[in-house]
Amino acid sequence: MTDIPSRFGGDEFAVLFPKTDRATALEISERLRSIIRAEPFEYESNQPGGQLTVSIGIASWLDDATDGTSLITNDDKALYKAKQAGRNIVLAYSAEGISVGEVG
């Protein structure tokens, strides 16, 4: 009831999970990644690897950012790291490294 999904760009979407910690956000994101990968989609054979997949980056409010701009910036860093790592992966931002909680 409190989660907020939205289109963020051409092929990017954002979901805000208020009152959700990093570990829970990782679990939710991994479930979503798995569902998308398993679900048959029309024309998915045209996708790289012949399957529709999703890369997910996570940044956590107050742990990784104290304002909206840095939250989006840090989430974007995790997302692009996931894409560089081969796609179809969930990564969370961390100031110590770029990603923790790798799942996928």
N, C-alpha and C. Protein backbone atom coordinates (compact mmCIF):
# COMPACT_ATOMS: atom_id res chain seq x y z
N MET A 1 0.82 -1.20 0.00
CA MET A 1 0.00 0.00 0.00
C MET A 1 0.86 1.26 0.00
N THR A 2 2.09 1.17 0.50
CA THR A 2 2.91 2.38 0.58
C THR A 2 4.01 2.44 -0.47
N ASP A 3 4.26 1.35 -1.19
CA ASP A 3 5.31 1.33 -2.21
C ASP A 3 4.88 2.20 -3.39
N ILE A 4 5.86 2.88 -4.01
CA ILE A 4 5.56 3.83 -5.08
C ILE A 4 6.36 3.46 -6.32
N PRO A 5 5.71 2.80 -7.31
CA PRO A 5 6.40 2.50 -8.57
C PRO A 5 6.23 3.67 -9.55
N SER A 6 7.26 3.92 -10.36
CA SER A 6 7.15 4.97 -11.37
C SER A 6 8.14 4.73 -12.50
N ARG A 7 7.83 5.28 -13.65
CA ARG A 7 8.76 5.24 -14.78
C ARG A 7 9.75 6.36 -14.56
N PHE A 8 11.03 6.05 -14.68
CA PHE A 8 12.07 7.03 -14.39
C PHE A 8 12.76 7.52 -15.66
N GLY A 9 12.74 6.74 -16.69
CA GLY A 9 13.36 7.10 -17.95
C GLY A 9 12.85 6.17 -19.02
N GLY A 10 13.47 6.19 -20.19
CA GLY A 10 13.02 5.37 -21.29
C GLY A 10 12.84 3.91 -20.92
N ASP A 11 13.86 3.29 -20.39
CA ASP A 11 13.78 1.88 -20.01
C ASP A 11 14.10 1.68 -18.53
N GLU A 12 13.97 2.73 -17.75
CA GLU A 12 14.26 2.65 -16.31
C GLU A 12 13.01 2.95 -15.50
N PHE A 13 12.88 2.21 -14.42
CA PHE A 13 11.77 2.39 -13.49
C PHE A 13 12.35 2.54 -12.09
N ALA A 14 11.62 3.21 -11.24
CA ALA A 14 12.02 3.35 -9.84
C ALA A 14 10.87 2.89 -8.96
N VAL A 15 11.22 2.24 -7.88
CA VAL A 15 10.22 1.85 -6.89
C VAL A 15 10.73 2.31 -5.53
N LEU A 16 9.94 3.11 -4.86
CA LEU A 16 10.28 3.55 -3.50
C LEU A 16 9.60 2.61 -2.52
N PHE A 17 10.38 2.10 -1.57
CA PHE A 17 9.86 1.22 -0.53
C PHE A 17 9.98 1.94 0.81
N PRO A 18 9.02 2.80 1.16
CA PRO A 18 9.09 3.49 2.45
C PRO A 18 9.10 2.49 3.60
N LYS A 19 9.83 2.81 4.63
CA LYS A 19 9.89 1.97 5.84
C LYS A 19 10.40 0.57 5.54
N THR A 20 11.32 0.45 4.58
CA THR A 20 11.89 -0.84 4.21
C THR A 20 13.40 -0.76 4.32
N ASP A 21 14.01 -1.67 5.04
CA ASP A 21 15.46 -1.66 5.17
C ASP A 21 16.12 -2.28 3.94
N ARG A 22 17.44 -2.15 3.86
CA ARG A 22 18.19 -2.63 2.71
C ARG A 22 17.98 -4.13 2.47
N ALA A 23 18.05 -4.92 3.52
CA ALA A 23 17.91 -6.37 3.38
C ALA A 23 16.55 -6.74 2.79
N THR A 24 15.50 -6.09 3.25
CA THR A 24 14.16 -6.36 2.71
C THR A 24 14.05 -5.88 1.28
N ALA A 25 14.62 -4.72 0.96
CA ALA A 25 14.61 -4.22 -0.42
C ALA A 25 15.34 -5.19 -1.34
N LEU A 26 16.44 -5.76 -0.87
CA LEU A 26 17.16 -6.76 -1.66
C LEU A 26 16.31 -8.00 -1.90
N GLU A 27 15.61 -8.46 -0.87
CA GLU A 27 14.74 -9.64 -1.01
C GLU A 27 13.62 -9.38 -2.00
N ILE A 28 12.96 -8.24 -1.88
CA ILE A 28 11.87 -7.88 -2.79
C ILE A 28 12.40 -7.79 -4.22
N SER A 29 13.52 -7.14 -4.38
CA SER A 29 14.10 -6.95 -5.72
C SER A 29 14.52 -8.26 -6.35
N GLU A 30 15.06 -9.15 -5.56
CA GLU A 30 15.46 -10.46 -6.08
C GLU A 30 14.23 -11.26 -6.50
N ARG A 31 13.16 -11.20 -5.73
CA ARG A 31 11.92 -11.88 -6.13
C ARG A 31 11.40 -11.31 -7.45
N LEU A 32 11.42 -9.99 -7.58
CA LEU A 32 10.97 -9.34 -8.81
C LEU A 32 11.84 -9.76 -9.99
N ARG A 33 13.15 -9.78 -9.79
CA ARG A 33 14.08 -10.19 -10.85
C ARG A 33 13.79 -11.62 -11.30
N SER A 34 13.57 -12.51 -10.35
CA SER A 34 13.29 -13.91 -10.66
C SER A 34 11.96 -14.08 -11.40
N ILE A 35 10.95 -13.34 -10.98
CA ILE A 35 9.64 -13.42 -11.64
C ILE A 35 9.73 -12.94 -13.08
N ILE A 36 10.42 -11.83 -13.31
CA ILE A 36 10.55 -11.30 -14.66
C ILE A 36 11.31 -12.29 -15.54
N ARG A 37 12.38 -12.85 -15.02
CA ARG A 37 13.15 -13.81 -15.82
C ARG A 37 12.34 -15.06 -16.17
N ALA A 38 11.51 -15.52 -15.25
CA ALA A 38 10.75 -16.75 -15.46
C ALA A 38 9.50 -16.56 -16.34
N GLU A 39 8.98 -15.35 -16.38
CA GLU A 39 7.74 -15.09 -17.10
C GLU A 39 7.99 -15.00 -18.60
N PRO A 40 7.24 -15.76 -19.41
CA PRO A 40 7.40 -15.64 -20.86
C PRO A 40 6.80 -14.33 -21.37
N PHE A 41 7.52 -13.63 -22.22
CA PHE A 41 7.07 -12.38 -22.80
C PHE A 41 7.12 -12.48 -24.32
N GLU A 42 6.15 -11.90 -24.97
CA GLU A 42 6.15 -11.86 -26.43
C GLU A 42 7.42 -11.14 -26.91
N TYR A 43 8.05 -11.67 -27.89
CA TYR A 43 9.26 -11.12 -28.50
C TYR A 43 10.50 -11.16 -27.60
N GLU A 44 10.46 -11.89 -26.49
CA GLU A 44 11.64 -11.94 -25.63
C GLU A 44 12.82 -12.60 -26.32
N SER A 45 12.54 -13.40 -27.33
CA SER A 45 13.65 -14.02 -28.07
C SER A 45 14.50 -12.98 -28.79
N ASN A 46 13.96 -11.77 -28.96
CA ASN A 46 14.71 -10.68 -29.57
C ASN A 46 15.66 -10.00 -28.57
N GLN A 47 15.53 -10.33 -27.30
CA GLN A 47 16.37 -9.73 -26.26
C GLN A 47 17.75 -10.38 -26.26
N PRO A 48 18.76 -9.68 -25.77
CA PRO A 48 20.09 -10.32 -25.64
C PRO A 48 19.96 -11.59 -24.80
N GLY A 49 20.53 -12.66 -25.27
CA GLY A 49 20.43 -13.94 -24.57
C GLY A 49 19.10 -14.63 -24.77
N GLY A 50 18.21 -14.03 -25.56
CA GLY A 50 16.93 -14.65 -25.85
C GLY A 50 15.94 -14.64 -24.71
N GLN A 51 16.18 -13.80 -23.70
CA GLN A 51 15.30 -13.79 -22.54
C GLN A 51 15.23 -12.37 -21.97
N LEU A 52 14.04 -11.97 -21.55
CA LEU A 52 13.87 -10.67 -20.91
C LEU A 52 14.36 -10.78 -19.47
N THR A 53 15.26 -9.88 -19.09
CA THR A 53 15.78 -9.86 -17.73
C THR A 53 15.75 -8.42 -17.21
N VAL A 54 16.11 -8.25 -15.97
CA VAL A 54 16.13 -6.92 -15.35
C VAL A 54 17.39 -6.79 -14.49
N SER A 55 17.99 -5.61 -14.54
CA SER A 55 19.09 -5.26 -13.64
C SER A 55 18.53 -4.29 -12.62
N ILE A 56 18.89 -4.47 -11.35
CA ILE A 56 18.32 -3.65 -10.29
C ILE A 56 19.43 -3.08 -9.42
N GLY A 57 19.36 -1.77 -9.18
CA GLY A 57 20.26 -1.10 -8.25
C GLY A 57 19.47 -0.59 -7.07
N ILE A 58 20.06 -0.66 -5.89
CA ILE A 58 19.38 -0.26 -4.66
C ILE A 58 20.24 0.73 -3.90
N ALA A 59 19.61 1.78 -3.40
CA ALA A 59 20.24 2.69 -2.45
C ALA A 59 19.25 2.90 -1.31
N SER A 60 19.76 2.99 -0.12
CA SER A 60 18.92 3.06 1.07
C SER A 60 18.98 4.46 1.70
N TRP A 61 17.80 5.01 1.97
CA TRP A 61 17.69 6.33 2.59
C TRP A 61 18.38 6.32 3.95
N LEU A 62 19.16 7.30 4.20
CA LEU A 62 19.95 7.55 5.40
C LEU A 62 21.20 6.68 5.49
N ASP A 63 21.16 5.42 5.06
CA ASP A 63 22.38 4.61 5.03
C ASP A 63 23.29 5.07 3.89
N ASP A 64 22.70 5.39 2.75
CA ASP A 64 23.47 5.72 1.55
C ASP A 64 23.28 7.16 1.08
N ALA A 65 22.29 7.86 1.62
CA ALA A 65 21.99 9.21 1.17
C ALA A 65 21.14 9.95 2.20
N THR A 66 21.31 11.26 2.24
CA THR A 66 20.51 12.07 3.15
C THR A 66 19.65 13.08 2.40
N ASP A 67 19.69 13.02 1.07
CA ASP A 67 18.82 13.87 0.26
C ASP A 67 18.44 13.10 -1.00
N GLY A 68 17.39 13.57 -1.66
CA GLY A 68 16.87 12.86 -2.82
C GLY A 68 17.86 12.74 -3.96
N THR A 69 18.64 13.79 -4.19
CA THR A 69 19.60 13.76 -5.30
C THR A 69 20.66 12.69 -5.08
N SER A 70 21.23 12.62 -3.89
CA SER A 70 22.27 11.60 -3.65
C SER A 70 21.67 10.20 -3.60
N LEU A 71 20.41 10.08 -3.20
CA LEU A 71 19.76 8.77 -3.21
C LEU A 71 19.66 8.25 -4.64
N ILE A 72 19.21 9.10 -5.56
CA ILE A 72 19.09 8.71 -6.97
C ILE A 72 20.47 8.46 -7.57
N THR A 73 21.43 9.32 -7.27
CA THR A 73 22.80 9.15 -7.80
C THR A 73 23.40 7.83 -7.35
N ASN A 74 23.26 7.49 -6.09
CA ASN A 74 23.85 6.26 -5.56
C ASN A 74 23.11 5.02 -6.06
N ASP A 75 21.81 5.12 -6.20
CA ASP A 75 21.06 4.02 -6.79
C ASP A 75 21.49 3.80 -8.23
N ASP A 76 21.68 4.88 -8.96
CA ASP A 76 22.11 4.80 -10.36
C ASP A 76 23.49 4.15 -10.47
N LYS A 77 24.38 4.46 -9.54
CA LYS A 77 25.71 3.82 -9.53
C LYS A 77 25.57 2.31 -9.37
N ALA A 78 24.71 1.88 -8.46
CA ALA A 78 24.50 0.44 -8.25
C ALA A 78 23.87 -0.20 -9.48
N LEU A 79 22.91 0.49 -10.09
CA LEU A 79 22.26 -0.04 -11.29
C LEU A 79 23.26 -0.23 -12.42
N TYR A 80 24.09 0.77 -12.69
CA TYR A 80 25.04 0.65 -13.78
C TYR A 80 26.13 -0.38 -13.49
N LYS A 81 26.48 -0.55 -12.23
CA LYS A 81 27.40 -1.62 -11.87
C LYS A 81 26.77 -2.98 -12.14
N ALA A 82 25.48 -3.12 -11.87
CA ALA A 82 24.77 -4.37 -12.16
C ALA A 82 24.75 -4.63 -13.66
N LYS A 83 24.54 -3.60 -14.45
CA LYS A 83 24.55 -3.77 -15.91
C LYS A 83 25.94 -4.16 -16.39
N GLN A 84 26.98 -3.54 -15.84
CA GLN A 84 28.35 -3.85 -16.23
C GLN A 84 28.74 -5.27 -15.81
N ALA A 85 28.13 -5.76 -14.74
CA ALA A 85 28.46 -7.09 -14.22
C ALA A 85 27.80 -8.21 -15.01
N GLY A 86 27.11 -7.86 -16.07
CA GLY A 86 26.51 -8.89 -16.92
C GLY A 86 24.99 -8.88 -16.95
N ARG A 87 24.37 -7.97 -16.26
CA ARG A 87 22.91 -7.82 -16.25
C ARG A 87 22.23 -8.96 -15.50
N ASN A 88 20.91 -8.81 -15.34
CA ASN A 88 20.11 -9.81 -14.62
C ASN A 88 20.66 -10.06 -13.22
N ILE A 89 20.90 -8.96 -12.52
CA ILE A 89 21.49 -9.04 -11.19
C ILE A 89 20.94 -7.90 -10.32
N VAL A 90 20.96 -8.10 -9.02
CA VAL A 90 20.54 -7.09 -8.05
C VAL A 90 21.77 -6.68 -7.25
N LEU A 91 22.06 -5.39 -7.22
CA LEU A 91 23.19 -4.87 -6.43
C LEU A 91 22.73 -3.69 -5.59
N ALA A 92 23.27 -3.57 -4.40
CA ALA A 92 22.97 -2.44 -3.53
C ALA A 92 24.20 -1.56 -3.40
N TYR A 93 23.98 -0.25 -3.36
CA TYR A 93 25.05 0.72 -3.21
C TYR A 93 25.65 0.63 -1.81
N SER A 94 26.95 0.88 -1.73
CA SER A 94 27.64 1.00 -0.45
C SER A 94 28.79 1.98 -0.64
N ALA A 95 28.99 2.85 0.31
CA ALA A 95 30.09 3.81 0.22
C ALA A 95 31.44 3.10 0.25
N GLU A 96 31.50 1.92 0.86
CA GLU A 96 32.76 1.18 0.96
C GLU A 96 33.18 0.55 -0.37
N GLY A 97 32.23 0.16 -1.14
CA GLY A 97 32.54 -0.50 -2.39
C GLY A 97 31.46 -0.04 -3.35
N ILE A 98 31.00 -0.41 -4.30
CA ILE A 98 29.81 0.13 -4.95
C ILE A 98 28.65 -0.78 -4.69
N SER A 99 28.91 -2.02 -4.34
CA SER A 99 27.78 -2.92 -4.20
C SER A 99 28.01 -3.90 -3.05
N VAL A 100 26.93 -4.12 -2.36
CA VAL A 100 26.88 -5.17 -1.33
C VAL A 100 25.58 -5.90 -1.52
N GLY A 101 25.47 -7.05 -0.95
CA GLY A 101 24.21 -7.78 -1.04
C GLY A 101 23.94 -8.27 -2.44
N GLU A 102 25.00 -8.64 -3.14
CA GLU A 102 24.80 -9.13 -4.51
C GLU A 102 23.92 -10.37 -4.46
N VAL A 103 22.92 -10.36 -5.30
CA VAL A 103 22.00 -11.48 -5.40
C VAL A 103 21.80 -11.74 -6.88
N GLY A 104 21.66 -13.00 -7.29
CA GLY A 104 21.32 -13.21 -8.68
C GLY A 104 22.02 -14.30 -9.34
